[in-house]
Amino acid sequence: MIRLLALDLDGTLMDDDMVIHSSRVRRAIAAAQKRGVVVTLATGRMFDFTLPAARELEITAPLICYQGGMIRAPDSDAPLYRATMDPALVREVLEQRIEHRWHFVLYADDDVFLDERRHLDSFYRDILGEHPVWVENLGSVLERHEPIKFLVFVEPHEAAGVESALRQKFEGQMEITRSHSLIVEGNPLGVSKGDALRRLAAYLDVPQSQVMAVGDQDNDVSMIAWAGLGVAMGNGSATTKAIADWIAPPVTEDGAAVAIERFVLNAQE
């Protein structure tokens, strides 16, 4: 029996247009909650971006945001858990950013900061939310705010090289992951969706065997691997599919709903 269900957003509940279109997905999530299953969202996105999706789906459980760097209930001002990065370490990454000409985004406190535009405003709005903060120098942000994570926007063919460069310099000092076809990111050491899901399950007193996680990208691997039942989307990365207990149809075919119906709803009938 599944008592806790963790769902990724991008590529799992939402397609590239960042909207949850599927009525079947909505119905499946509502039915699971009606049966007493605790449903949470587990995403790399910041809390303020995740909150509207949670409210749309009537999710009241604590949300996993920032790749697991924060666990916070929708109706609470105080997180259950929050991790930050060492500002000195982020300054080192900013030096590498200049050398490699990376398009850099810094998440600090409750805001997301940028210092250059390379795309249309709609690109940043779709990925970062409605209110990114534009500054002249990202280094100055570290004087006033606690960094939570950073990301580098890439073209798909550049991602492996950026990830490799970050690992070569910072392996063992931070978590580096590919979270989107256009994004490579760095998070505090030890932070992952899997670790956050473990923390949330303990908080809710739900055993690992009764936890289900659904995701599609490499940043979902840790929670898919940790959950008693791990599901990869059909549109997921090779890594997620390799470690998953079951592979759902792709997001365009309501894969998340299919998984919920099969393992949560039908299993409890």
Protein backbone atom coordinates (compact mmCIF):
# COMPACT_ATOMS: atom_id res chain seq x y z
CA MET A 1 0.00 0.00 0.00
CA ILE A 2 1.32 3.45 -0.96
CA ARG A 3 0.91 6.15 1.70
CA LEU A 4 3.26 8.86 0.35
CA LEU A 5 3.50 9.83 -3.33
CA ALA A 6 6.19 12.21 -4.61
CA LEU A 7 5.75 13.67 -8.09
CA ASP A 8 8.24 15.61 -10.15
CA LEU A 9 6.85 18.57 -12.12
CA ASP A 10 8.73 19.20 -15.39
CA GLY A 11 8.49 16.27 -17.76
CA THR A 12 6.29 14.35 -15.32
CA LEU A 13 3.19 16.43 -14.63
CA MET A 14 4.00 19.26 -17.05
CA ASP A 15 5.25 19.21 -20.63
CA ASP A 16 7.49 21.87 -22.16
CA ASP A 17 4.81 24.56 -21.90
CA MET A 18 4.94 24.32 -18.07
CA VAL A 19 1.19 23.72 -17.70
CA ILE A 20 -0.59 20.72 -16.18
CA HIS A 21 -3.04 20.09 -19.01
CA SER A 22 -4.09 16.52 -18.27
CA SER A 23 -7.48 16.10 -16.61
CA ARG A 24 -6.61 12.43 -16.13
CA VAL A 25 -3.55 13.37 -14.07
CA ARG A 26 -5.62 15.77 -11.98
CA ARG A 27 -8.27 13.14 -11.34
CA ALA A 28 -5.71 10.51 -10.38
CA ILE A 29 -4.01 12.83 -7.89
CA ALA A 30 -7.34 13.89 -6.39
CA ALA A 31 -8.45 10.26 -6.08
CA ALA A 32 -5.19 9.31 -4.35
CA GLN A 33 -5.60 12.13 -1.84
CA LYS A 34 -9.22 11.18 -1.24
CA ARG A 35 -8.01 7.72 -0.24
CA GLY A 36 -5.65 9.23 2.33
CA VAL A 37 -2.42 9.14 0.33
CA VAL A 38 -0.13 12.07 1.10
CA VAL A 39 0.87 13.66 -2.22
CA THR A 40 3.81 16.02 -2.56
CA LEU A 41 5.63 17.73 -5.40
CA ALA A 42 9.39 17.17 -5.64
CA THR A 43 11.04 19.70 -7.92
CA GLY A 44 14.16 21.71 -8.54
CA ARG A 45 12.05 24.83 -8.75
CA MET A 46 11.84 27.43 -6.03
CA PHE A 47 8.99 27.38 -3.52
CA ASP A 48 7.14 30.38 -4.98
CA PHE A 49 7.04 28.71 -8.41
CA THR A 50 5.92 25.37 -6.96
CA LEU A 51 3.17 26.78 -4.76
CA PRO A 52 0.67 27.64 -7.55
CA ALA A 53 0.94 24.08 -8.92
CA ALA A 54 0.38 22.68 -5.44
CA ARG A 55 -2.70 24.84 -4.93
CA GLU A 56 -4.00 23.94 -8.38
CA LEU A 57 -3.79 20.26 -7.41
CA GLU A 58 -5.06 20.94 -3.85
CA ILE A 59 -1.86 19.56 -2.35
CA THR A 60 -1.44 20.58 1.29
CA ALA A 61 1.51 18.35 2.25
CA PRO A 62 5.01 19.80 2.63
CA LEU A 63 6.63 20.42 -0.76
CA ILE A 64 10.15 19.39 -1.80
CA CYS A 65 11.78 22.32 -3.63
CA TYR A 66 15.26 23.36 -4.79
CA GLN A 67 16.19 19.73 -5.65
CA GLY A 68 15.59 18.81 -2.02
CA GLY A 69 17.21 21.88 -0.51
CA MET A 70 13.93 22.92 1.09
CA ILE A 71 10.90 21.14 2.52
CA ARG A 72 8.08 23.54 3.25
CA ALA A 73 4.33 23.25 3.66
CA PRO A 74 2.19 25.42 1.36
CA ASP A 75 0.57 27.25 4.28
CA SER A 76 3.75 27.78 6.31
CA ASP A 77 6.27 30.61 6.40
CA ALA A 78 8.92 28.43 8.03
CA PRO A 79 10.50 25.47 6.23
CA LEU A 80 10.77 22.07 7.85
CA TYR A 81 14.22 21.79 6.29
CA ARG A 82 16.50 24.19 4.42
CA ALA A 83 20.05 23.83 3.11
CA THR A 84 22.35 26.58 1.85
CA MET A 85 25.67 26.76 0.00
CA ASP A 86 28.94 28.23 1.24
CA PRO A 87 29.20 31.74 -0.29
CA ALA A 88 32.96 31.31 -0.74
CA LEU A 89 32.35 28.18 -2.81
CA VAL A 90 29.80 29.98 -4.97
CA ARG A 91 32.33 32.76 -5.56
CA GLU A 92 34.73 30.14 -6.92
CA VAL A 93 32.02 28.93 -9.28
CA LEU A 94 31.40 32.50 -10.43
CA GLU A 95 35.09 32.74 -11.35
CA GLN A 96 34.73 29.59 -13.45
CA ARG A 97 31.60 31.05 -14.99
CA ILE A 98 33.58 34.02 -16.30
CA GLU A 99 36.29 31.77 -17.74
CA HIS A 100 33.78 29.52 -19.52
CA ARG A 101 31.21 32.24 -20.37
CA TRP A 102 28.40 30.30 -18.71
CA HIS A 103 24.90 31.75 -18.59
CA PHE A 104 24.50 31.71 -14.82
CA VAL A 105 21.50 31.91 -12.47
CA LEU A 106 21.82 32.20 -8.70
CA TYR A 107 19.10 31.24 -6.22
CA ALA A 108 19.52 32.98 -2.86
CA ASP A 109 17.09 33.30 0.04
CA ASP A 110 13.68 33.43 -1.66
CA ASP A 111 14.73 35.05 -4.94
CA VAL A 112 16.42 34.12 -8.21
CA PHE A 113 19.10 36.43 -9.59
CA LEU A 114 20.58 37.01 -13.06
CA ASP A 115 22.99 39.56 -14.47
CA GLU A 116 22.61 39.03 -18.24
CA ARG A 117 19.93 38.34 -20.83
CA ARG A 118 20.58 35.88 -23.65
CA HIS A 119 16.97 34.90 -24.32
CA LEU A 120 13.52 36.45 -24.59
CA ASP A 121 11.81 37.43 -21.35
CA SER A 122 9.31 34.61 -21.86
CA PHE A 123 12.14 32.05 -21.64
CA TYR A 124 13.16 33.26 -18.18
CA ARG A 125 9.55 33.62 -17.03
CA ASP A 126 8.66 30.06 -18.05
CA ILE A 127 11.64 28.50 -16.28
CA LEU A 128 12.33 30.86 -13.39
CA GLY A 129 8.92 32.31 -12.62
CA GLU A 130 7.38 35.73 -12.95
CA HIS A 131 9.83 37.77 -10.91
CA PRO A 132 13.53 37.08 -11.49
CA VAL A 133 15.75 39.78 -10.02
CA TRP A 134 18.18 41.42 -12.46
CA VAL A 135 21.42 42.73 -10.95
CA GLU A 136 24.66 44.15 -12.28
CA ASN A 137 26.92 41.73 -10.41
CA LEU A 138 25.99 38.33 -8.99
CA GLY A 139 28.90 38.51 -6.59
CA SER A 140 27.21 41.39 -4.79
CA VAL A 141 24.19 39.16 -4.11
CA LEU A 142 26.37 36.99 -1.88
CA GLU A 143 27.05 39.97 0.38
CA ARG A 144 23.36 40.22 1.33
CA HIS A 145 21.78 36.83 0.72
CA GLU A 146 22.37 33.16 1.51
CA PRO A 147 22.85 31.11 -1.69
CA ILE A 148 20.68 28.01 -2.03
CA LYS A 149 21.69 26.72 -5.47
CA PHE A 150 22.79 27.82 -8.93
CA LEU A 151 22.12 26.72 -12.45
CA VAL A 152 23.78 27.13 -15.81
CA PHE A 153 21.64 27.48 -18.92
CA VAL A 154 23.08 25.41 -21.76
CA GLU A 155 22.26 24.23 -25.23
CA PRO A 156 21.56 20.48 -25.14
CA HIS A 157 24.83 19.64 -26.89
CA GLU A 158 26.78 21.67 -24.31
CA ALA A 159 25.34 20.05 -21.19
CA ALA A 160 27.77 17.15 -20.87
CA GLY A 161 30.77 19.48 -21.18
CA VAL A 162 29.46 21.92 -18.57
CA GLU A 163 28.63 19.11 -16.17
CA SER A 164 32.08 17.60 -16.67
CA ALA A 165 33.82 20.93 -16.05
CA LEU A 166 31.88 21.48 -12.84
CA ARG A 167 32.61 17.97 -11.61
CA GLN A 168 36.29 18.25 -12.40
CA LYS A 169 36.57 21.39 -10.28
CA PHE A 170 33.95 20.90 -7.56
CA GLU A 171 33.30 17.17 -7.14
CA GLY A 172 32.95 16.41 -3.43
CA GLN A 173 32.10 20.02 -2.60
CA MET A 174 28.58 20.21 -4.05
CA GLU A 175 25.96 18.13 -5.82
CA ILE A 176 26.04 18.59 -9.60
CA THR A 177 23.17 17.32 -11.72
CA ARG A 178 21.45 17.62 -15.08
CA SER A 179 17.89 18.62 -14.28
CA HIS A 180 16.62 19.64 -17.72
CA SER A 181 17.79 19.47 -21.32
CA LEU A 182 18.77 23.15 -20.96
CA ILE A 183 20.04 23.13 -17.37
CA VAL A 184 23.01 21.91 -15.34
CA GLU A 185 22.93 22.88 -11.70
CA GLY A 186 24.80 22.86 -8.42
CA ASN A 187 23.27 22.26 -4.99
CA PRO A 188 24.60 21.97 -1.43
CA LEU A 189 26.57 18.81 -0.76
CA GLY A 190 24.26 15.99 0.32
CA VAL A 191 21.13 17.65 -1.03
CA SER A 192 18.94 15.60 -3.37
CA LYS A 193 15.31 14.81 -3.92
CA GLY A 194 15.97 11.36 -2.47
CA ASP A 195 17.39 12.76 0.75
CA ALA A 196 14.48 15.19 1.08
CA LEU A 197 11.96 12.43 0.43
CA ARG A 198 13.63 10.34 3.14
CA ARG A 199 13.34 13.29 5.54
CA LEU A 200 9.70 13.91 4.66
CA ALA A 201 8.76 10.25 5.03
CA ALA A 202 10.36 10.19 8.48
CA TYR A 203 8.52 13.38 9.44
CA LEU A 204 5.22 11.81 8.32
CA ASP A 205 6.10 8.45 9.89
CA VAL A 206 5.70 6.64 6.57
CA PRO A 207 7.99 3.63 6.01
CA GLN A 208 10.18 3.57 2.90
CA SER A 209 8.29 0.58 1.54
CA GLN A 210 5.09 2.67 1.36
CA VAL A 211 6.62 5.55 -0.60
CA MET A 212 6.27 5.97 -4.36
CA ALA A 213 8.23 8.47 -6.48
CA VAL A 214 7.72 9.43 -10.13
CA GLY A 215 10.20 11.43 -12.22
CA ASP A 216 11.97 11.74 -15.54
CA GLN A 217 15.40 13.39 -15.31
CA ASP A 218 18.72 12.58 -13.68
CA ASN A 219 17.88 14.83 -10.74
CA ASP A 220 15.00 12.42 -10.00
CA VAL A 221 17.25 9.35 -9.82
CA SER A 222 17.89 9.65 -6.07
CA MET A 223 14.20 9.68 -5.14
CA ILE A 224 13.25 6.99 -7.65
CA ALA A 225 16.02 4.81 -6.22
CA TRP A 226 15.13 5.53 -2.56
CA ALA A 227 11.36 5.09 -2.79
CA GLY A 228 9.87 1.68 -2.12
CA LEU A 229 8.39 1.99 -5.60
CA GLY A 230 10.29 4.10 -8.12
CA VAL A 231 8.69 5.02 -11.45
CA ALA A 232 10.42 6.61 -14.45
CA MET A 233 8.48 8.39 -17.17
CA GLY A 234 8.63 7.03 -20.70
CA ASN A 235 10.19 10.32 -21.78
CA GLY A 236 12.77 10.03 -19.01
CA SER A 237 16.53 9.80 -19.18
CA ALA A 238 18.30 6.48 -19.63
CA THR A 239 19.55 6.69 -16.05
CA THR A 240 16.09 7.06 -14.52
CA LYS A 241 14.77 4.18 -16.58
CA ALA A 242 17.68 1.96 -15.60
CA ILE A 243 17.03 2.26 -11.86
CA ALA A 244 13.22 2.43 -11.91
CA ASP A 245 10.99 -0.41 -10.74
CA TRP A 246 8.54 0.44 -13.52
CA ILE A 247 8.51 2.68 -16.60
CA ALA A 248 5.33 4.66 -17.22
CA PRO A 249 4.14 6.01 -20.55
CA PRO A 250 5.51 9.47 -21.47
CA VAL A 251 4.06 12.71 -20.15
CA THR A 252 2.18 13.22 -23.44
CA GLU A 253 0.30 9.98 -22.71
CA ASP A 254 -0.56 10.83 -19.07
CA GLY A 255 2.16 8.55 -17.72
CA ALA A 256 1.94 9.88 -14.17
CA ALA A 257 -1.79 9.16 -14.08
CA VAL A 258 -1.23 5.65 -15.44
CA ALA A 259 1.29 4.98 -12.66
CA ILE A 260 -1.01 6.34 -9.95
CA GLU A 261 -3.95 4.33 -11.23
CA ARG A 262 -1.89 1.13 -11.40
CA PHE A 263 0.01 1.27 -8.12
CA VAL A 264 -2.05 3.55 -5.86
CA LEU A 265 -5.69 3.38 -6.87
CA ASN A 266 -6.12 -0.12 -8.29
CA ALA A 267 -3.79 -1.56 -5.66
CA GLN A 268 -6.12 -0.27 -2.93
CA GLU A 269 -9.38 -1.46 -4.46
